[in-house]
PDB file of all heavy atoms in Angstrom:
ATOM      1  N   THR A   1      42.345 -17.375   0.238  1.00  0.00           N
ATOM      2  CA  THR A   1      41.255 -17.840   1.092  1.00  0.00           C
ATOM      3  C   THR A   1      40.133 -18.433   0.252  1.00  0.00           C
ATOM      4  O   THR A   1      39.698 -17.815  -0.715  1.00  0.00           O
ATOM      5  CB  THR A   1      40.729 -16.661   1.946  1.00  0.00           C
ATOM      6  OG1 THR A   1      41.808 -16.194   2.767  1.00  0.00           O
ATOM      7  CG2 THR A   1      39.564 -17.064   2.803  1.00  0.00           C
ATOM      8  N   PRO A   2      39.670 -19.629   0.617  1.00  0.00           N
ATOM      9  CA  PRO A   2      38.550 -20.227  -0.112  1.00  0.00           C
ATOM     10  C   PRO A   2      37.315 -19.318  -0.092  1.00  0.00           C
ATOM     11  O   PRO A   2      37.035 -18.637   0.909  1.00  0.00           O
ATOM     12  CB  PRO A   2      38.280 -21.533   0.650  1.00  0.00           C
ATOM     13  CG  PRO A   2      39.577 -21.857   1.321  1.00  0.00           C
ATOM     14  CD  PRO A   2      40.176 -20.511   1.670  1.00  0.00           C
ATOM     15  N   ALA A   3      36.558 -19.321  -1.182  1.00  0.00           N
ATOM     16  CA  ALA A   3      35.395 -18.447  -1.347  1.00  0.00           C
ATOM     17  C   ALA A   3      34.377 -18.610  -0.220  1.00  0.00           C
ATOM     18  O   ALA A   3      33.798 -17.620   0.239  1.00  0.00           O
ATOM     19  CB  ALA A   3      34.734 -18.698  -2.699  1.00  0.00           C
ATOM     20  N   GLU A   4      34.186 -19.835   0.251  1.00  0.00           N
ATOM     21  CA  GLU A   4      33.172 -20.044   1.296  1.00  0.00           C
ATOM     22  C   GLU A   4      33.559 -19.372   2.620  1.00  0.00           C
ATOM     23  O   GLU A   4      32.699 -18.940   3.370  1.00  0.00           O
ATOM     24  CB  GLU A   4      32.869 -21.535   1.501  1.00  0.00           C
ATOM     25  CG  GLU A   4      34.040 -22.395   1.927  1.00  0.00           C
ATOM     26  CD  GLU A   4      34.869 -22.961   0.779  1.00  0.00           C
ATOM     27  OE1 GLU A   4      34.710 -22.525  -0.382  1.00  0.00           O
ATOM     28  OE2 GLU A   4      35.706 -23.835   1.063  1.00  0.00           O
ATOM     29  N   ILE A   5      34.853 -19.252   2.894  1.00  0.00           N
ATOM     30  CA  ILE A   5      35.309 -18.548   4.103  1.00  0.00           C
ATOM     31  C   ILE A   5      35.232 -17.040   3.885  1.00  0.00           C
ATOM     32  O   ILE A   5      34.755 -16.292   4.734  1.00  0.00           O
ATOM     33  CB  ILE A   5      36.744 -18.976   4.479  1.00  0.00           C
ATOM     34  CG1 ILE A   5      36.745 -20.447   4.905  1.00  0.00           C
ATOM     35  CG2 ILE A   5      37.315 -18.086   5.583  1.00  0.00           C
ATOM     36  CD1 ILE A   5      38.118 -21.034   5.107  1.00  0.00           C
ATOM     37  N   ARG A   6      35.672 -16.615   2.710  1.00  0.00           N
ATOM     38  CA  ARG A   6      35.657 -15.176   2.408  1.00  0.00           C
ATOM     39  C   ARG A   6      34.234 -14.637   2.399  1.00  0.00           C
ATOM     40  O   ARG A   6      33.967 -13.520   2.853  1.00  0.00           O
ATOM     41  CB  ARG A   6      36.369 -14.922   1.063  1.00  0.00           C
ATOM     42  CG  ARG A   6      36.500 -13.470   0.710  1.00  0.00           C
ATOM     43  CD  ARG A   6      37.322 -12.713   1.757  1.00  0.00           C
ATOM     44  NE  ARG A   6      37.141 -11.287   1.643  1.00  0.00           N
ATOM     45  CZ  ARG A   6      36.287 -10.567   2.362  1.00  0.00           C
ATOM     46  NH1 ARG A   6      35.502 -11.142   3.266  1.00  0.00           N
ATOM     47  NH2 ARG A   6      36.191  -9.269   2.197  1.00  0.00           N
ATOM     48  N   LYS A   7      33.293 -15.437   1.902  1.00  0.00           N
ATOM     49  CA  LYS A   7      31.888 -15.042   1.838  1.00  0.00           C
ATOM     50  C   LYS A   7      31.328 -14.745   3.233  1.00  0.00           C
ATOM     51  O   LYS A   7      30.435 -13.921   3.393  1.00  0.00           O
ATOM     52  CB  LYS A   7      31.090 -16.172   1.176  1.00  0.00           C
ATOM     53  CG  LYS A   7      29.670 -15.869   0.864  1.00  0.00           C
ATOM     54  CD  LYS A   7      29.067 -17.043   0.117  1.00  0.00           C
ATOM     55  CE  LYS A   7      27.609 -16.806  -0.206  1.00  0.00           C
ATOM     56  NZ  LYS A   7      27.028 -17.949  -0.897  1.00  0.00           N
ATOM     57  N   LEU A   8      31.891 -15.391   4.249  1.00  0.00           N
ATOM     58  CA  LEU A   8      31.461 -15.189   5.632  1.00  0.00           C
ATOM     59  C   LEU A   8      32.225 -14.051   6.323  1.00  0.00           C
ATOM     60  O   LEU A   8      32.035 -13.800   7.506  1.00  0.00           O
ATOM     61  CB  LEU A   8      31.621 -16.486   6.427  1.00  0.00           C
ATOM     62  CG  LEU A   8      30.753 -17.648   5.945  1.00  0.00           C
ATOM     63  CD1 LEU A   8      31.138 -18.940   6.645  1.00  0.00           C
ATOM     64  CD2 LEU A   8      29.272 -17.329   6.141  1.00  0.00           C
ATOM     65  N   GLY A   9      33.113 -13.383   5.573  1.00  0.00           N
ATOM     66  CA  GLY A   9      33.843 -12.231   6.113  1.00  0.00           C
ATOM     67  C   GLY A   9      35.242 -12.539   6.611  1.00  0.00           C
ATOM     68  O   GLY A   9      35.944 -11.651   7.069  1.00  0.00           O
ATOM     69  N   GLY A  10      35.657 -13.789   6.508  1.00  0.00           N
ATOM     70  CA  GLY A  10      36.967 -14.170   7.014  1.00  0.00           C
ATOM     71  C   GLY A  10      38.030 -14.264   5.940  1.00  0.00           C
ATOM     72  O   GLY A  10      37.745 -14.214   4.749  1.00  0.00           O
ATOM     73  N   ALA A  11      39.256 -14.377   6.400  1.00  0.00           N
ATOM     74  CA  ALA A  11      40.410 -14.603   5.526  1.00  0.00           C
ATOM     75  C   ALA A  11      41.430 -15.408   6.323  1.00  0.00           C
ATOM     76  O   ALA A  11      41.473 -15.334   7.560  1.00  0.00           O
ATOM     77  CB  ALA A  11      41.007 -13.287   5.047  1.00  0.00           C
ATOM     78  N   LEU A  12      42.247 -16.184   5.612  1.00  0.00           N
ATOM     79  CA  LEU A  12      43.210 -17.069   6.255  1.00  0.00           C
ATOM     80  C   LEU A  12      44.627 -16.513   6.192  1.00  0.00           C
ATOM     81  O   LEU A  12      44.986 -15.818   5.245  1.00  0.00           O
ATOM     82  CB  LEU A  12      43.193 -18.441   5.586  1.00  0.00           C
ATOM     83  CG  LEU A  12      41.875 -19.200   5.609  1.00  0.00           C
ATOM     84  CD1 LEU A  12      42.019 -20.541   4.887  1.00  0.00           C
ATOM     85  CD2 LEU A  12      41.373 -19.400   7.027  1.00  0.00           C
ATOM     86  N   TYR A  13      45.389 -16.858   7.199  1.00  0.00           N
ATOM     87  CA  TYR A  13      46.817 -16.538   7.223  1.00  0.00           C
ATOM     88  C   TYR A  13      47.554 -17.743   7.792  1.00  0.00           C
ATOM     89  O   TYR A  13      46.950 -18.628   8.415  1.00  0.00           O
ATOM     90  CB  TYR A  13      47.098 -15.279   8.059  1.00  0.00           C
ATOM     91  CG  TYR A  13      46.843 -15.458   9.537  1.00  0.00           C
ATOM     92  CD1 TYR A  13      47.875 -15.881  10.387  1.00  0.00           C
ATOM     93  CD2 TYR A  13      45.583 -15.209  10.081  1.00  0.00           C
ATOM     94  CE1 TYR A  13      47.635 -16.054  11.743  1.00  0.00           C
ATOM     95  CE2 TYR A  13      45.353 -15.374  11.422  1.00  0.00           C
ATOM     96  CZ  TYR A  13      46.379 -15.799  12.261  1.00  0.00           C
ATOM     97  OH  TYR A  13      46.146 -15.973  13.597  1.00  0.00           O
ATOM     98  N   CYS A  14      48.862 -17.781   7.581  1.00  0.00           N
ATOM     99  CA  CYS A  14      49.702 -18.862   8.104  1.00  0.00           C
ATOM    100  C   CYS A  14      50.942 -18.292   8.767  1.00  0.00           C
ATOM    101  O   CYS A  14      51.373 -17.177   8.461  1.00  0.00           O
ATOM    102  CB  CYS A  14      50.160 -19.794   6.977  1.00  0.00           C
ATOM    103  SG  CYS A  14      48.868 -20.816   6.278  1.00  0.00           S
ATOM    104  N   CYS A  15      51.510 -19.090   9.670  1.00  0.00           N
ATOM    105  CA  CYS A  15      52.776 -18.750  10.303  1.00  0.00           C
ATOM    106  C   CYS A  15      53.427 -20.039  10.805  1.00  0.00           C
ATOM    107  O   CYS A  15      52.809 -21.107  10.772  1.00  0.00           O
ATOM    108  CB  CYS A  15      52.576 -17.764  11.452  1.00  0.00           C
ATOM    109  SG  CYS A  15      51.556 -18.391  12.804  1.00  0.00           S
ATOM    110  N   HIS A  16      54.672 -19.935  11.224  1.00  0.00           N
ATOM    111  CA  HIS A  16      55.415 -21.082  11.746  1.00  0.00           C
ATOM    112  C   HIS A  16      55.830 -20.768  13.176  1.00  0.00           C
ATOM    113  O   HIS A  16      56.629 -19.869  13.415  1.00  0.00           O
ATOM    114  CB  HIS A  16      56.651 -21.328  10.868  1.00  0.00           C
ATOM    115  CG  HIS A  16      57.365 -22.589  11.197  1.00  0.00           C
ATOM    116  ND1 HIS A  16      58.212 -22.710  12.270  1.00  0.00           N
ATOM    117  CD2 HIS A  16      57.364 -23.798  10.580  1.00  0.00           C
ATOM    118  CE1 HIS A  16      58.703 -23.929  12.297  1.00  0.00           C
ATOM    119  NE2 HIS A  16      58.205 -24.605  11.291  1.00  0.00           N
ATOM    120  N   ARG A  17      55.262 -21.495  14.135  1.00  0.00           N
ATOM    121  CA  ARG A  17      55.576 -21.299  15.545  1.00  0.00           C
ATOM    122  C   ARG A  17      55.704 -22.660  16.220  1.00  0.00           C
ATOM    123  O   ARG A  17      55.045 -23.623  15.818  1.00  0.00           O
ATOM    124  CB  ARG A  17      54.474 -20.520  16.277  1.00  0.00           C
ATOM    125  CG  ARG A  17      54.114 -19.172  15.670  1.00  0.00           C
ATOM    126  CD  ARG A  17      55.136 -18.081  15.975  1.00  0.00           C
ATOM    127  NE  ARG A  17      54.623 -16.769  15.683  1.00  0.00           N
ATOM    128  CZ  ARG A  17      54.563 -16.226  14.466  1.00  0.00           C
ATOM    129  NH1 ARG A  17      54.997 -16.880  13.418  1.00  0.00           N
ATOM    130  NH2 ARG A  17      54.087 -15.010  14.291  1.00  0.00           N
ATOM    131  N   TYR A  18      56.526 -22.705  17.245  1.00  0.00           N
ATOM    132  CA  TYR A  18      56.636 -23.897  18.082  1.00  0.00           C
ATOM    133  C   TYR A  18      56.930 -25.167  17.279  1.00  0.00           C
ATOM    134  O   TYR A  18      56.457 -26.249  17.597  1.00  0.00           O
ATOM    135  CB  TYR A  18      55.364 -24.098  18.921  1.00  0.00           C
ATOM    136  CG  TYR A  18      54.932 -22.846  19.618  1.00  0.00           C
ATOM    137  CD1 TYR A  18      53.792 -22.163  19.209  1.00  0.00           C
ATOM    138  CD2 TYR A  18      55.688 -22.313  20.664  1.00  0.00           C
ATOM    139  CE1 TYR A  18      53.392 -20.994  19.838  1.00  0.00           C
ATOM    140  CE2 TYR A  18      55.304 -21.140  21.298  1.00  0.00           C
ATOM    141  CZ  TYR A  18      54.158 -20.487  20.879  1.00  0.00           C
ATOM    142  OH  TYR A  18      53.777 -19.337  21.502  1.00  0.00           O
ATOM    143  N   GLY A  19      57.687 -25.006  16.192  1.00  0.00           N
ATOM    144  CA  GLY A  19      58.080 -26.154  15.388  1.00  0.00           C
ATOM    145  C   GLY A  19      57.006 -26.701  14.467  1.00  0.00           C
ATOM    146  O   GLY A  19      57.145 -27.803  13.935  1.00  0.00           O
ATOM    147  N   ARG A  20      55.948 -25.922  14.229  1.00  0.00           N
ATOM    148  CA  ARG A  20      54.905 -26.381  13.308  1.00  0.00           C
ATOM    149  C   ARG A  20      54.257 -25.206  12.580  1.00  0.00           C
ATOM    150  O   ARG A  20      54.419 -24.058  12.966  1.00  0.00           O
ATOM    151  CB  ARG A  20      53.857 -27.212  14.031  1.00  0.00           C
ATOM    152  CG  ARG A  20      53.094 -26.459  15.108  1.00  0.00           C
ATOM    153  CD  ARG A  20      51.988 -27.259  15.712  1.00  0.00           C
ATOM    154  NE  ARG A  20      50.986 -27.490  14.689  1.00  0.00           N
ATOM    155  CZ  ARG A  20      49.938 -28.263  14.852  1.00  0.00           C
ATOM    156  NH1 ARG A  20      49.735 -28.887  15.972  1.00  0.00           N
ATOM    157  NH2 ARG A  20      49.063 -28.422  13.874  1.00  0.00           N
ATOM    158  N   VAL A  21      53.508 -25.530  11.554  1.00  0.00           N
ATOM    159  CA  VAL A  21      52.821 -24.518  10.758  1.00  0.00           C
ATOM    160  C   VAL A  21      51.387 -24.395  11.246  1.00  0.00           C
ATOM    161  O   VAL A  21      50.710 -25.397  11.471  1.00  0.00           O
ATOM    162  CB  VAL A  21      52.828 -24.883   9.253  1.00  0.00           C
ATOM    163  CG1 VAL A  21      52.090 -23.842   8.429  1.00  0.00           C
ATOM    164  CG2 VAL A  21      54.250 -25.038   8.753  1.00  0.00           C
ATOM    165  N   PHE A  22      50.941 -23.151  11.407  1.00  0.00           N
ATOM    166  CA  PHE A  22      49.579 -22.883  11.835  1.00  0.00           C
ATOM    167  C   PHE A  22      48.829 -22.150  10.734  1.00  0.00           C
ATOM    168  O   PHE A  22      49.386 -21.300  10.047  1.00  0.00           O
ATOM    169  CB  PHE A  22      49.562 -22.002  13.091  1.00  0.00           C
ATOM    170  CG  PHE A  22      50.019 -22.713  14.326  1.00  0.00           C
ATOM    171  CD1 PHE A  22      51.359 -22.707  14.680  1.00  0.00           C
ATOM    172  CD2 PHE A  22      49.114 -23.393  15.127  1.00  0.00           C
ATOM    173  CE1 PHE A  22      51.788 -23.357  15.825  1.00  0.00           C
ATOM    174  CE2 PHE A  22      49.537 -24.052  16.265  1.00  0.00           C
ATOM    175  CZ  PHE A  22      50.878 -24.038  16.620  1.00  0.00           C
ATOM    176  N   VAL A  23      47.556 -22.486  10.602  1.00  0.00           N
ATOM    177  CA  VAL A  23      46.637 -21.753   9.742  1.00  0.00           C
ATOM    178  C   VAL A  23      45.640 -21.093  10.678  1.00  0.00           C
ATOM    179  O   VAL A  23      45.052 -21.760  11.534  1.00  0.00           O
ATOM    180  CB  VAL A  23      45.892 -22.685   8.762  1.00  0.00           C
ATOM    181  CG1 VAL A  23      44.898 -21.893   7.924  1.00  0.00           C
ATOM    182  CG2 VAL A  23      46.869 -23.438   7.881  1.00  0.00           C
ATOM    183  N   GLY A  24      45.496 -19.784  10.529  1.00  0.00           N
ATOM    184  CA  GLY A  24      44.564 -19.046  11.366  1.00  0.00           C
ATOM    185  C   GLY A  24      43.605 -18.239  10.521  1.00  0.00           C
ATOM    186  O   GLY A  24      43.728 -18.180   9.293  1.00  0.00           O
ATOM    187  N   SER A  25      42.655 -17.609  11.191  1.00  0.00           N
ATOM    188  CA  SER A  25      41.704 -16.762  10.468  1.00  0.00           C
ATOM    189  C   SER A  25      41.537 -15.444  11.205  1.00  0.00           C
ATOM    190  O   SER A  25      41.743 -15.355  12.412  1.00  0.00           O
ATOM    191  CB  SER A  25      40.357 -17.462  10.341  1.00  0.00           C
ATOM    192  OG  SER A  25      39.772 -17.629  11.623  1.00  0.00           O
ATOM    193  N   ASN A  26      41.201 -14.438  10.450  1.00  0.00           N
ATOM    194  CA  ASN A  26      40.863 -13.109  10.953  1.00  0.00           C
ATOM    195  C   ASN A  26      39.739 -12.582  10.088  1.00  0.00           C
ATOM    196  O   ASN A  26      39.491 -13.117   9.001  1.00  0.00           O
ATOM    197  CB  ASN A  26      42.024 -12.124  10.799  1.00  0.00           C
ATOM    198  CG  ASN A  26      42.948 -12.079  11.991  1.00  0.00           C
ATOM    199  OD1 ASN A  26      44.137 -12.270  11.836  1.00  0.00           O
ATOM    200  ND2 ASN A  26      42.429 -11.813  13.169  1.00  0.00           N
ATOM    201  N   GLY A  27      39.146 -11.497  10.539  1.00  0.00           N
ATOM    202  CA  GLY A  27      38.253 -10.783   9.641  1.00  0.00           C
ATOM    203  C   GLY A  27      39.097 -10.254   8.492  1.00  0.00           C
ATOM    204  O   GLY A  27      40.234  -9.817   8.702  1.00  0.00           O
ATOM    205  N   ALA A  28      38.598 -10.320   7.298  1.00  0.00           N
ATOM    206  CA  ALA A  28      39.367  -9.909   6.115  1.00  0.00           C
ATOM    207  C   ALA A  28      39.775  -8.445   6.160  1.00  0.00           C
ATOM    208  O   ALA A  28      40.745  -8.044   5.521  1.00  0.00           O
ATOM    209  CB  ALA A  28      38.569 -10.190   4.844  1.00  0.00           C
TER     210      ALA A  28
END
């Protein structure tokens, strides 16, 4: 996760659904 997102309390995750790749966020 990029520092600017992590600094705000978030973190990124990815998955593959519906024939495409998604990037999502959650609280870290």
